[in-house]
Amino acid sequence: MEKAILKTLIYADLFDYPLKINELHKWLIGRKVTLRQLEKTLKVSRKYYFLQNRKNLVAQRLKKEKQSAVYMRKAKIISQILKIIPWIKLVGISGGLALNNASKKDDIDLFIITAKNRLWLSRLFCLGLLSAIRQRRKVGDKGRKIAGKICLNILLDEDRLEQNNKDIFVAHEVLQMRPLWQRVGIYSKFLEDNSWAFKFLPNWIAEVRIKNQESSLKQKKLNSKFLLLDSIADYFENLAKKFQLKIMQTPKGMERIEDGALYFHPNDIREEILKKYNQSLTRSANF
């Protein structure tokens, strides 16, 4: 148990994120336990748990929580605007904001799941809407220009929800993603397709129940309205893909394009975090 606690605190420390007792339990790495068992192992009760000499993180977290509340309100409003795009089945928050750990200089990362074969068309409409309301984070933007702007961080086709990379970093990304709204239970399918993540984080449970925005019957009626337009939409999906791929021809180090999945990380920190995490584990084992 002690090793699992240390692993969890080391990982959270990489993001300057002290943990409350319920969070330490929820994100405990590789060990299935009850909250009571965890409390007995810790022995000393504290409001926040963190590595030695990192008490300053508590004040930082409180400050970030206030900023995160501002950004979360904005994200919820914008997610409702994106609901007019019929092919989008889920809009959620990823990145630091999903854990209320966003600073004022950060952007707002959106996680989107689309209907089958509507990935590129959905992205094009999203970018158009965000540009129209001047909330899109553009390529090359830095500093103050990105603060509070919307970044379409990850877009997945409903038939391509399982993540190829299966490690502690991606497990966290999967489970900390916070849905803002969904259609026809797609969030449950996302968790089911990525059930491997529970091997890393076996105590995780969702904090809130996400309601469907439409009943399955209403969704079927909605789908039937667009049935006649499917062939036309297929044509424009292919056009949207060609158009966007042409723009992306020059590598910018921020795009990862897979079949049915798009990842846009201006600063892809996965490998760096995994390296630091493993180095910290090795150092701790040597003491």
C-alpha atoms as a PDB file:
ATOM      1  CA  MET A   1       0.000   0.000   0.000  1.00  0.00           C
ATOM      2  CA  GLU A   2       2.804   2.433   0.903  1.00  0.00           C
ATOM      3  CA  LYS A   3       4.369   1.982  -2.547  1.00  0.00           C
ATOM      4  CA  ALA A   4       1.043   2.697  -4.253  1.00  0.00           C
ATOM      5  CA  ILE A   5       0.631   5.872  -2.184  1.00  0.00           C
ATOM      6  CA  LEU A   6       4.147   7.018  -3.038  1.00  0.00           C
ATOM      7  CA  LYS A   7       3.608   6.338  -6.748  1.00  0.00           C
ATOM      8  CA  THR A   8       0.398   8.359  -6.682  1.00  0.00           C
ATOM      9  CA  LEU A   9       1.957  11.315  -4.882  1.00  0.00           C
ATOM     10  CA  ILE A  10       4.959  11.272  -7.224  1.00  0.00           C
ATOM     11  CA  TYR A  11       2.681  11.330 -10.261  1.00  0.00           C
ATOM     12  CA  ALA A  12       0.499  14.133  -8.875  1.00  0.00           C
ATOM     13  CA  ASP A  13       3.612  16.127  -7.989  1.00  0.00           C
ATOM     14  CA  LEU A  14       4.616  16.209 -11.663  1.00  0.00           C
ATOM     15  CA  PHE A  15       1.544  18.399 -12.179  1.00  0.00           C
ATOM     16  CA  ASP A  16       2.049  20.429  -8.975  1.00  0.00           C
ATOM     17  CA  TYR A  17      -1.169  18.940  -7.622  1.00  0.00           C
ATOM     18  CA  PRO A  18      -1.540  18.094  -3.906  1.00  0.00           C
ATOM     19  CA  LEU A  19      -4.284  15.553  -3.223  1.00  0.00           C
ATOM     20  CA  LYS A  20      -7.138  15.398  -0.754  1.00  0.00           C
ATOM     21  CA  ILE A  21      -7.757  12.022   0.895  1.00  0.00           C
ATOM     22  CA  ASN A  22     -10.663  11.123  -1.420  1.00  0.00           C
ATOM     23  CA  GLU A  23      -8.561  12.112  -4.454  1.00  0.00           C
ATOM     24  CA  LEU A  24      -5.613  10.073  -3.252  1.00  0.00           C
ATOM     25  CA  HIS A  25      -7.973   7.109  -3.000  1.00  0.00           C
ATOM     26  CA  LYS A  26      -9.588   7.755  -6.380  1.00  0.00           C
ATOM     27  CA  TRP A  27      -6.265   8.115  -8.228  1.00  0.00           C
ATOM     28  CA  LEU A  28      -4.315   5.495  -6.243  1.00  0.00           C
ATOM     29  CA  ILE A  29      -2.066   3.756  -8.747  1.00  0.00           C
ATOM     30  CA  GLY A  30      -2.280  -0.001  -9.146  1.00  0.00           C
ATOM     31  CA  ARG A  31      -3.926  -0.930  -5.834  1.00  0.00           C
ATOM     32  CA  LYS A  32      -7.586  -1.694  -5.192  1.00  0.00           C
ATOM     33  CA  VAL A  33      -8.450  -0.614  -1.634  1.00  0.00           C
ATOM     34  CA  THR A  34     -11.253   0.951   0.364  1.00  0.00           C
ATOM     35  CA  LEU A  35     -11.040   4.512   1.600  1.00  0.00           C
ATOM     36  CA  ARG A  36     -10.955   3.169   5.163  1.00  0.00           C
ATOM     37  CA  GLN A  37      -7.950   0.948   4.383  1.00  0.00           C
ATOM     38  CA  LEU A  38      -6.147   3.923   2.892  1.00  0.00           C
ATOM     39  CA  GLU A  39      -6.864   6.084   5.937  1.00  0.00           C
ATOM     40  CA  LYS A  40      -5.461   3.402   8.255  1.00  0.00           C
ATOM     41  CA  THR A  41      -2.273   3.160   6.205  1.00  0.00           C
ATOM     42  CA  LEU A  42      -1.746   6.932   6.172  1.00  0.00           C
ATOM     43  CA  LYS A  43      -2.213   7.120   9.966  1.00  0.00           C
ATOM     44  CA  VAL A  44      -1.863  10.933   9.989  1.00  0.00           C
ATOM     45  CA  SER A  45      -4.955  12.821   8.809  1.00  0.00           C
ATOM     46  CA  ARG A  46      -4.324  15.894   6.650  1.00  0.00           C
ATOM     47  CA  LYS A  47      -6.367  18.088   4.344  1.00  0.00           C
ATOM     48  CA  TYR A  48      -3.821  17.677   1.532  1.00  0.00           C
ATOM     49  CA  TYR A  49      -1.167  15.074   0.843  1.00  0.00           C
ATOM     50  CA  PHE A  50       2.033  15.863  -1.060  1.00  0.00           C
ATOM     51  CA  LEU A  51       5.725  15.009  -1.225  1.00  0.00           C
ATOM     52  CA  GLN A  52       8.199  16.331   1.310  1.00  0.00           C
ATOM     53  CA  ASN A  53       8.991  20.058   1.064  1.00  0.00           C
ATOM     54  CA  ARG A  54       6.102  20.695  -1.352  1.00  0.00           C
ATOM     55  CA  LYS A  55       3.672  22.415   1.012  1.00  0.00           C
ATOM     56  CA  ASN A  56       3.682  25.489  -1.232  1.00  0.00           C
ATOM     57  CA  LEU A  57       1.585  23.552  -3.745  1.00  0.00           C
ATOM     58  CA  VAL A  58      -1.502  23.939  -1.562  1.00  0.00           C
ATOM     59  CA  ALA A  59      -1.659  27.716  -2.074  1.00  0.00           C
ATOM     60  CA  GLN A  60      -1.077  27.216  -5.812  1.00  0.00           C
ATOM     61  CA  ARG A  61      -3.910  24.711  -6.013  1.00  0.00           C
ATOM     62  CA  LEU A  62      -6.372  27.041  -4.276  1.00  0.00           C
ATOM     63  CA  LYS A  63      -5.474  29.819  -6.692  1.00  0.00           C
ATOM     64  CA  LYS A  64      -5.896  27.518  -9.682  1.00  0.00           C
ATOM     65  CA  GLU A  65      -9.272  26.329  -8.414  1.00  0.00           C
ATOM     66  CA  LYS A  66     -10.603  29.892  -8.543  1.00  0.00           C
ATOM     67  CA  GLN A  67      -9.329  30.373 -12.088  1.00  0.00           C
ATOM     68  CA  SER A  68     -10.649  26.966 -13.119  1.00  0.00           C
ATOM     69  CA  ALA A  69     -14.152  27.931 -11.985  1.00  0.00           C
ATOM     70  CA  VAL A  70     -14.038  30.910 -14.376  1.00  0.00           C
ATOM     71  CA  TYR A  71     -12.819  28.794 -17.287  1.00  0.00           C
ATOM     72  CA  MET A  72     -15.302  26.015 -16.538  1.00  0.00           C
ATOM     73  CA  ARG A  73     -18.248  28.402 -16.797  1.00  0.00           C
ATOM     74  CA  LYS A  74     -16.932  29.555 -20.160  1.00  0.00           C
ATOM     75  CA  ALA A  75     -16.392  25.979 -21.359  1.00  0.00           C
ATOM     76  CA  LYS A  76     -19.961  25.018 -20.466  1.00  0.00           C
ATOM     77  CA  ILE A  77     -21.379  27.938 -22.449  1.00  0.00           C
ATOM     78  CA  ILE A  78     -19.278  27.137 -25.507  1.00  0.00           C
ATOM     79  CA  SER A  79     -20.112  23.429 -25.275  1.00  0.00           C
ATOM     80  CA  GLN A  80     -23.797  24.335 -25.579  1.00  0.00           C
ATOM     81  CA  ILE A  81     -23.038  26.290 -28.756  1.00  0.00           C
ATOM     82  CA  LEU A  82     -21.324  23.232 -30.227  1.00  0.00           C
ATOM     83  CA  LYS A  83     -24.460  21.201 -29.564  1.00  0.00           C
ATOM     84  CA  ILE A  84     -25.976  22.595 -32.766  1.00  0.00           C
ATOM     85  CA  ILE A  85     -23.565  20.372 -34.729  1.00  0.00           C
ATOM     86  CA  PRO A  86     -25.673  17.203 -35.126  1.00  0.00           C
ATOM     87  CA  TRP A  87     -22.746  14.788 -35.529  1.00  0.00           C
ATOM     88  CA  ILE A  88     -21.151  15.600 -32.178  1.00  0.00           C
ATOM     89  CA  LYS A  89     -22.034  13.033 -29.508  1.00  0.00           C
ATOM     90  CA  LEU A  90     -19.975  14.286 -26.579  1.00  0.00           C
ATOM     91  CA  VAL A  91     -18.144  17.427 -25.537  1.00  0.00           C
ATOM     92  CA  GLY A  92     -15.889  17.227 -22.515  1.00  0.00           C
ATOM     93  CA  ILE A  93     -13.006  18.952 -20.780  1.00  0.00           C
ATOM     94  CA  SER A  94      -9.515  17.470 -20.754  1.00  0.00           C
ATOM     95  CA  GLY A  95      -6.153  18.679 -19.474  1.00  0.00           C
ATOM     96  CA  GLY A  96      -5.601  20.543 -16.229  1.00  0.00           C
ATOM     97  CA  LEU A  97      -9.044  22.156 -16.211  1.00  0.00           C
ATOM     98  CA  ALA A  98     -10.666  18.723 -15.863  1.00  0.00           C
ATOM     99  CA  LEU A  99      -9.078  18.572 -12.378  1.00  0.00           C
ATOM    100  CA  ASN A 100      -9.636  22.266 -11.575  1.00  0.00           C
ATOM    101  CA  ASN A 101      -5.894  22.716 -11.988  1.00  0.00           C
ATOM    102  CA  ALA A 102      -5.795  25.444 -14.666  1.00  0.00           C
ATOM    103  CA  SER A 103      -3.859  28.690 -14.372  1.00  0.00           C
ATOM    104  CA  LYS A 104      -4.849  32.008 -15.918  1.00  0.00           C
ATOM    105  CA  LYS A 105      -2.331  31.584 -18.750  1.00  0.00           C
ATOM    106  CA  ASP A 106      -3.750  28.199 -19.829  1.00  0.00           C
ATOM    107  CA  ASP A 107      -6.104  27.480 -22.708  1.00  0.00           C
ATOM    108  CA  ILE A 108      -9.249  25.335 -22.466  1.00  0.00           C
ATOM    109  CA  ASP A 109      -8.881  21.837 -23.907  1.00  0.00           C
ATOM    110  CA  LEU A 110     -12.008  20.282 -25.380  1.00  0.00           C
ATOM    111  CA  PHE A 111     -12.488  16.564 -25.920  1.00  0.00           C
ATOM    112  CA  ILE A 112     -15.002  15.643 -28.631  1.00  0.00           C
ATOM    113  CA  ILE A 113     -16.579  12.391 -29.775  1.00  0.00           C
ATOM    114  CA  THR A 114     -18.313  12.432 -33.151  1.00  0.00           C
ATOM    115  CA  ALA A 115     -20.637  10.156 -35.066  1.00  0.00           C
ATOM    116  CA  LYS A 116     -19.089   7.530 -37.309  1.00  0.00           C
ATOM    117  CA  ASN A 117     -17.404   9.024 -40.402  1.00  0.00           C
ATOM    118  CA  ARG A 118     -18.126  12.596 -39.311  1.00  0.00           C
ATOM    119  CA  LEU A 119     -14.821  13.438 -37.620  1.00  0.00           C
ATOM    120  CA  TRP A 120     -13.456  15.920 -40.147  1.00  0.00           C
ATOM    121  CA  LEU A 121     -16.766  17.578 -40.900  1.00  0.00           C
ATOM    122  CA  SER A 122     -17.455  18.043 -37.182  1.00  0.00           C
ATOM    123  CA  ARG A 123     -14.008  19.547 -36.641  1.00  0.00           C
ATOM    124  CA  LEU A 124     -14.480  21.966 -39.533  1.00  0.00           C
ATOM    125  CA  PHE A 125     -17.810  23.183 -38.136  1.00  0.00           C
ATOM    126  CA  CYS A 126     -16.326  23.474 -34.628  1.00  0.00           C
ATOM    127  CA  LEU A 127     -13.422  25.579 -35.867  1.00  0.00           C
ATOM    128  CA  GLY A 128     -15.818  27.759 -37.832  1.00  0.00           C
ATOM    129  CA  LEU A 129     -18.029  28.410 -34.818  1.00  0.00           C
ATOM    130  CA  LEU A 130     -15.087  29.061 -32.499  1.00  0.00           C
ATOM    131  CA  SER A 131     -13.535  31.443 -35.026  1.00  0.00           C
ATOM    132  CA  ALA A 132     -16.863  33.269 -35.429  1.00  0.00           C
ATOM    133  CA  ILE A 133     -17.043  33.971 -31.691  1.00  0.00           C
ATOM    134  CA  ARG A 134     -13.273  34.640 -31.517  1.00  0.00           C
ATOM    135  CA  GLN A 135     -12.569  31.867 -29.039  1.00  0.00           C
ATOM    136  CA  ARG A 136     -10.395  29.556 -31.135  1.00  0.00           C
ATOM    137  CA  ARG A 137      -6.787  28.986 -30.188  1.00  0.00           C
ATOM    138  CA  LYS A 138      -4.863  29.339 -33.435  1.00  0.00           C
ATOM    139  CA  VAL A 139      -1.670  27.614 -34.496  1.00  0.00           C
ATOM    140  CA  GLY A 140       1.295  29.692 -33.424  1.00  0.00           C
ATOM    141  CA  ASP A 141      -0.540  31.550 -30.671  1.00  0.00           C
ATOM    142  CA  LYS A 142       1.526  31.945 -27.513  1.00  0.00           C
ATOM    143  CA  GLY A 143       1.493  33.761 -24.198  1.00  0.00           C
ATOM    144  CA  ARG A 144      -1.565  35.895 -23.515  1.00  0.00           C
ATOM    145  CA  LYS A 145      -3.121  34.979 -26.858  1.00  0.00           C
ATOM    146  CA  ILE A 146      -3.894  31.439 -25.693  1.00  0.00           C
ATOM    147  CA  ALA A 147      -5.253  32.335 -22.241  1.00  0.00           C
ATOM    148  CA  GLY A 148      -8.832  31.119 -22.000  1.00  0.00           C
ATOM    149  CA  LYS A 149      -9.040  30.243 -25.693  1.00  0.00           C
ATOM    150  CA  ILE A 150     -10.512  26.960 -26.886  1.00  0.00           C
ATOM    151  CA  CYS A 151      -8.240  24.196 -28.168  1.00  0.00           C
ATOM    152  CA  LEU A 152      -9.857  21.173 -29.833  1.00  0.00           C
ATOM    153  CA  ASN A 153      -7.472  18.852 -28.069  1.00  0.00           C
ATOM    154  CA  ILE A 154      -8.806  15.416 -28.990  1.00  0.00           C
ATOM    155  CA  LEU A 155     -11.466  14.316 -31.475  1.00  0.00           C
ATOM    156  CA  LEU A 156     -12.556  10.685 -31.716  1.00  0.00           C
ATOM    157  CA  ASP A 157     -14.918   8.818 -34.027  1.00  0.00           C
ATOM    158  CA  GLU A 158     -17.471   6.811 -32.006  1.00  0.00           C
ATOM    159  CA  ASP A 159     -16.037   3.625 -33.537  1.00  0.00           C
ATOM    160  CA  ARG A 160     -12.467   4.543 -32.548  1.00  0.00           C
ATOM    161  CA  LEU A 161     -12.640   5.249 -28.828  1.00  0.00           C
ATOM    162  CA  GLU A 162     -10.008   2.821 -27.532  1.00  0.00           C
ATOM    163  CA  GLN A 163      -6.628   4.482 -27.054  1.00  0.00           C
ATOM    164  CA  ASN A 164      -3.580   2.862 -28.617  1.00  0.00           C
ATOM    165  CA  ASN A 165      -1.146   4.033 -25.942  1.00  0.00           C
ATOM    166  CA  LYS A 166      -1.887   2.229 -22.695  1.00  0.00           C
ATOM    167  CA  ASP A 167       0.135   3.696 -19.839  1.00  0.00           C
ATOM    168  CA  ILE A 168      -0.445   5.666 -16.648  1.00  0.00           C
ATOM    169  CA  PHE A 169      -0.460   9.004 -18.487  1.00  0.00           C
ATOM    170  CA  VAL A 170      -3.163   8.000 -20.965  1.00  0.00           C
ATOM    171  CA  ALA A 171      -5.119   6.196 -18.223  1.00  0.00           C
ATOM    172  CA  HIS A 172      -5.261   9.507 -16.356  1.00  0.00           C
ATOM    173  CA  GLU A 173      -6.261  11.381 -19.520  1.00  0.00           C
ATOM    174  CA  VAL A 174      -9.083   8.919 -20.161  1.00  0.00           C
ATOM    175  CA  LEU A 175     -10.522   8.929 -16.657  1.00  0.00           C
ATOM    176  CA  GLN A 176     -10.016  12.570 -15.747  1.00  0.00           C
ATOM    177  CA  MET A 177     -11.803  13.780 -18.886  1.00  0.00           C
ATOM    178  CA  ARG A 178     -14.942  15.533 -17.658  1.00  0.00           C
ATOM    179  CA  PRO A 179     -17.979  15.260 -19.964  1.00  0.00           C
ATOM    180  CA  LEU A 180     -20.105  18.402 -20.239  1.00  0.00           C
ATOM    181  CA  TRP A 181     -22.859  16.726 -22.237  1.00  0.00           C
ATOM    182  CA  GLN A 182     -23.390  13.548 -24.218  1.00  0.00           C
ATOM    183  CA  ARG A 183     -25.814  11.842 -26.537  1.00  0.00           C
ATOM    184  CA  VAL A 184     -27.123   8.249 -26.393  1.00  0.00           C
ATOM    185  CA  GLY A 185     -24.780   7.028 -23.668  1.00  0.00           C
ATOM    186  CA  ILE A 186     -21.565   7.486 -25.618  1.00  0.00           C
ATOM    187  CA  TYR A 187     -19.592   8.237 -22.433  1.00  0.00           C
ATOM    188  CA  SER A 188     -20.295   4.741 -21.081  1.00  0.00           C
ATOM    189  CA  LYS A 189     -19.052   3.275 -24.361  1.00  0.00           C
ATOM    190  CA  PHE A 190     -15.908   5.401 -24.103  1.00  0.00           C
ATOM    191  CA  LEU A 191     -15.190   4.011 -20.621  1.00  0.00           C
ATOM    192  CA  GLU A 192     -16.007   0.466 -21.695  1.00  0.00           C
ATOM    193  CA  ASP A 193     -13.692   0.649 -24.715  1.00  0.00           C
ATOM    194  CA  ASN A 194     -10.925   1.935 -22.441  1.00  0.00           C
ATOM    195  CA  SER A 195     -11.544  -0.407 -19.512  1.00  0.00           C
ATOM    196  CA  TRP A 196      -7.802  -1.189 -19.519  1.00  0.00           C
ATOM    197  CA  ALA A 197      -7.332   2.141 -17.689  1.00  0.00           C
ATOM    198  CA  PHE A 198      -8.841   0.629 -14.523  1.00  0.00           C
ATOM    199  CA  LYS A 199      -5.813  -1.661 -14.219  1.00  0.00           C
ATOM    200  CA  PHE A 200      -3.764   1.464 -13.536  1.00  0.00           C
ATOM    201  CA  LEU A 201      -6.439   3.262 -11.508  1.00  0.00           C
ATOM    202  CA  PRO A 202      -8.679   0.550 -10.000  1.00  0.00           C
ATOM    203  CA  ASN A 203     -10.428   2.788  -7.435  1.00  0.00           C
ATOM    204  CA  TRP A 204     -11.703   5.340  -9.931  1.00  0.00           C
ATOM    205  CA  ILE A 205     -15.411   6.125 -10.040  1.00  0.00           C
ATOM    206  CA  ALA A 206     -17.231   8.940 -11.824  1.00  0.00           C
ATOM    207  CA  GLU A 207     -18.053  11.879  -9.563  1.00  0.00           C
ATOM    208  CA  VAL A 208     -21.315  12.784 -11.276  1.00  0.00           C
ATOM    209  CA  ARG A 209     -23.795  11.052 -13.526  1.00  0.00           C
ATOM    210  CA  ILE A 210     -23.890  12.596 -16.991  1.00  0.00           C
ATOM    211  CA  LYS A 211     -27.401  12.746 -18.390  1.00  0.00           C
ATOM    212  CA  ASN A 212     -28.145  12.081 -22.027  1.00  0.00           C
ATOM    213  CA  GLN A 213     -29.253  15.169 -23.881  1.00  0.00           C
ATOM    214  CA  GLU A 214     -31.720  13.182 -25.961  1.00  0.00           C
ATOM    215  CA  SER A 215     -33.554   9.939 -25.421  1.00  0.00           C
ATOM    216  CA  SER A 216     -32.676   7.089 -27.756  1.00  0.00           C
ATOM    217  CA  LEU A 217     -36.102   7.476 -29.418  1.00  0.00           C
ATOM    218  CA  LYS A 218     -35.558  11.185 -29.984  1.00  0.00           C
ATOM    219  CA  GLN A 219     -32.079  10.478 -31.304  1.00  0.00           C
ATOM    220  CA  LYS A 220     -33.465   7.921 -33.762  1.00  0.00           C
ATOM    221  CA  LYS A 221     -35.938  10.504 -35.047  1.00  0.00           C
ATOM    222  CA  LEU A 222     -33.121  13.022 -35.310  1.00  0.00           C
ATOM    223  CA  ASN A 223     -30.999  10.518 -37.216  1.00  0.00           C
ATOM    224  CA  SER A 224     -33.852   9.809 -39.613  1.00  0.00           C
ATOM    225  CA  LYS A 225     -34.026  13.497 -40.470  1.00  0.00           C
ATOM    226  CA  PHE A 226     -30.446  13.373 -41.633  1.00  0.00           C
ATOM    227  CA  LEU A 227     -30.729   9.959 -43.297  1.00  0.00           C
ATOM    228  CA  LEU A 228     -31.465  11.465 -46.696  1.00  0.00           C
ATOM    229  CA  LEU A 229     -28.527  13.822 -46.242  1.00  0.00           C
ATOM    230  CA  ASP A 230     -26.075  11.041 -45.380  1.00  0.00           C
ATOM    231  CA  SER A 231     -24.755  10.589 -48.898  1.00  0.00           C
ATOM    232  CA  ILE A 232     -24.282  14.338 -49.218  1.00  0.00           C
ATOM    233  CA  ALA A 233     -22.617  14.450 -45.790  1.00  0.00           C
ATOM    234  CA  ASP A 234     -20.287  11.611 -46.833  1.00  0.00           C
ATOM    235  CA  TYR A 235     -19.206  13.659 -49.819  1.00  0.00           C
ATOM    236  CA  PHE A 236     -18.541  16.729 -47.689  1.00  0.00           C
ATOM    237  CA  GLU A 237     -16.770  14.619 -45.050  1.00  0.00           C
ATOM    238  CA  ASN A 238     -14.255  13.567 -47.691  1.00  0.00           C
ATOM    239  CA  LEU A 239     -13.879  17.161 -48.868  1.00  0.00           C
ATOM    240  CA  ALA A 240     -13.413  18.384 -45.296  1.00  0.00           C
ATOM    241  CA  LYS A 241     -10.737  15.747 -44.721  1.00  0.00           C
ATOM    242  CA  LYS A 242      -8.822  16.614 -47.887  1.00  0.00           C
ATOM    243  CA  PHE A 243      -9.053  20.332 -47.148  1.00  0.00           C
ATOM    244  CA  GLN A 244      -7.788  20.016 -43.588  1.00  0.00           C
ATOM    245  CA  LEU A 245      -5.057  17.525 -44.436  1.00  0.00           C
ATOM    246  CA  LYS A 246      -3.792  19.896 -47.084  1.00  0.00           C
ATOM    247  CA  ILE A 247      -3.480  22.623 -44.458  1.00  0.00           C
ATOM    248  CA  MET A 248      -1.698  20.184 -42.147  1.00  0.00           C
ATOM    249  CA  GLN A 249       0.849  19.109 -44.766  1.00  0.00           C
ATOM    250  CA  THR A 250       3.591  21.103 -43.072  1.00  0.00           C
ATOM    251  CA  PRO A 251       4.351  19.279 -39.784  1.00  0.00           C
ATOM    252  CA  LYS A 252       4.024  21.537 -36.760  1.00  0.00           C
ATOM    253  CA  GLY A 253       4.830  18.962 -34.087  1.00  0.00           C
ATOM    254  CA  MET A 254       1.334  19.248 -32.628  1.00  0.00           C
ATOM    255  CA  GLU A 255      -0.814  16.950 -34.767  1.00  0.00           C
ATOM    256  CA  ARG A 256      -1.223  13.213 -34.496  1.00  0.00           C
ATOM    257  CA  ILE A 257      -3.579  11.844 -37.101  1.00  0.00           C
ATOM    258  CA  GLU A 258      -4.901   8.308 -36.818  1.00  0.00           C
ATOM    259  CA  ASP A 259      -7.766   6.498 -38.457  1.00  0.00           C
ATOM    260  CA  GLY A 260     -10.821   7.942 -36.729  1.00  0.00           C
ATOM    261  CA  ALA A 261      -8.819   9.929 -34.186  1.00  0.00           C
ATOM    262  CA  LEU A 262      -7.214  13.370 -34.126  1.00  0.00           C
ATOM    263  CA  TYR A 263      -4.868  14.627 -31.416  1.00  0.00           C
ATOM    264  CA  PHE A 264      -3.716  18.236 -31.229  1.00  0.00           C
ATOM    265  CA  HIS A 265      -1.179  18.907 -28.492  1.00  0.00           C
ATOM    266  CA  PRO A 266       0.739  22.193 -28.861  1.00  0.00           C
ATOM    267  CA  ASN A 267       2.882  20.820 -26.038  1.00  0.00           C
ATOM    268  CA  ASP A 268       2.689  17.024 -26.015  1.00  0.00           C
ATOM    269  CA  ILE A 269       4.081  16.191 -22.592  1.00  0.00           C
ATOM    270  CA  ARG A 270       3.290  12.461 -22.442  1.00  0.00           C
ATOM    271  CA  GLU A 271       6.803  11.126 -23.033  1.00  0.00           C
ATOM    272  CA  GLU A 272       8.360  13.778 -20.800  1.00  0.00           C
ATOM    273  CA  ILE A 273       5.966  12.998 -17.938  1.00  0.00           C
ATOM    274  CA  LEU A 274       6.499   9.244 -18.246  1.00  0.00           C
ATOM    275  CA  LYS A 275      10.267   9.735 -18.246  1.00  0.00           C
ATOM    276  CA  LYS A 276      10.188  11.950 -15.140  1.00  0.00           C
ATOM    277  CA  TYR A 277       7.774   9.596 -13.415  1.00  0.00           C
ATOM    278  CA  ASN A 278       9.973   6.553 -13.989  1.00  0.00           C
ATOM    279  CA  GLN A 279      13.082   8.478 -12.926  1.00  0.00           C
ATOM    280  CA  SER A 280      11.364   9.547  -9.693  1.00  0.00           C
ATOM    281  CA  LEU A 281      10.283   5.971  -9.002  1.00  0.00           C
ATOM    282  CA  THR A 282      13.855   4.765  -9.490  1.00  0.00           C
ATOM    283  CA  ARG A 283      15.236   7.430  -7.141  1.00  0.00           C
ATOM    284  CA  SER A 284      12.671   6.628  -4.458  1.00  0.00           C
ATOM    285  CA  ALA A 285      13.504   2.912  -4.695  1.00  0.00           C
ATOM    286  CA  ASN A 286      17.173   3.668  -4.046  1.00  0.00           C
ATOM    287  CA  PHE A 287      16.525   5.426  -0.747  1.00  0.00           C
END
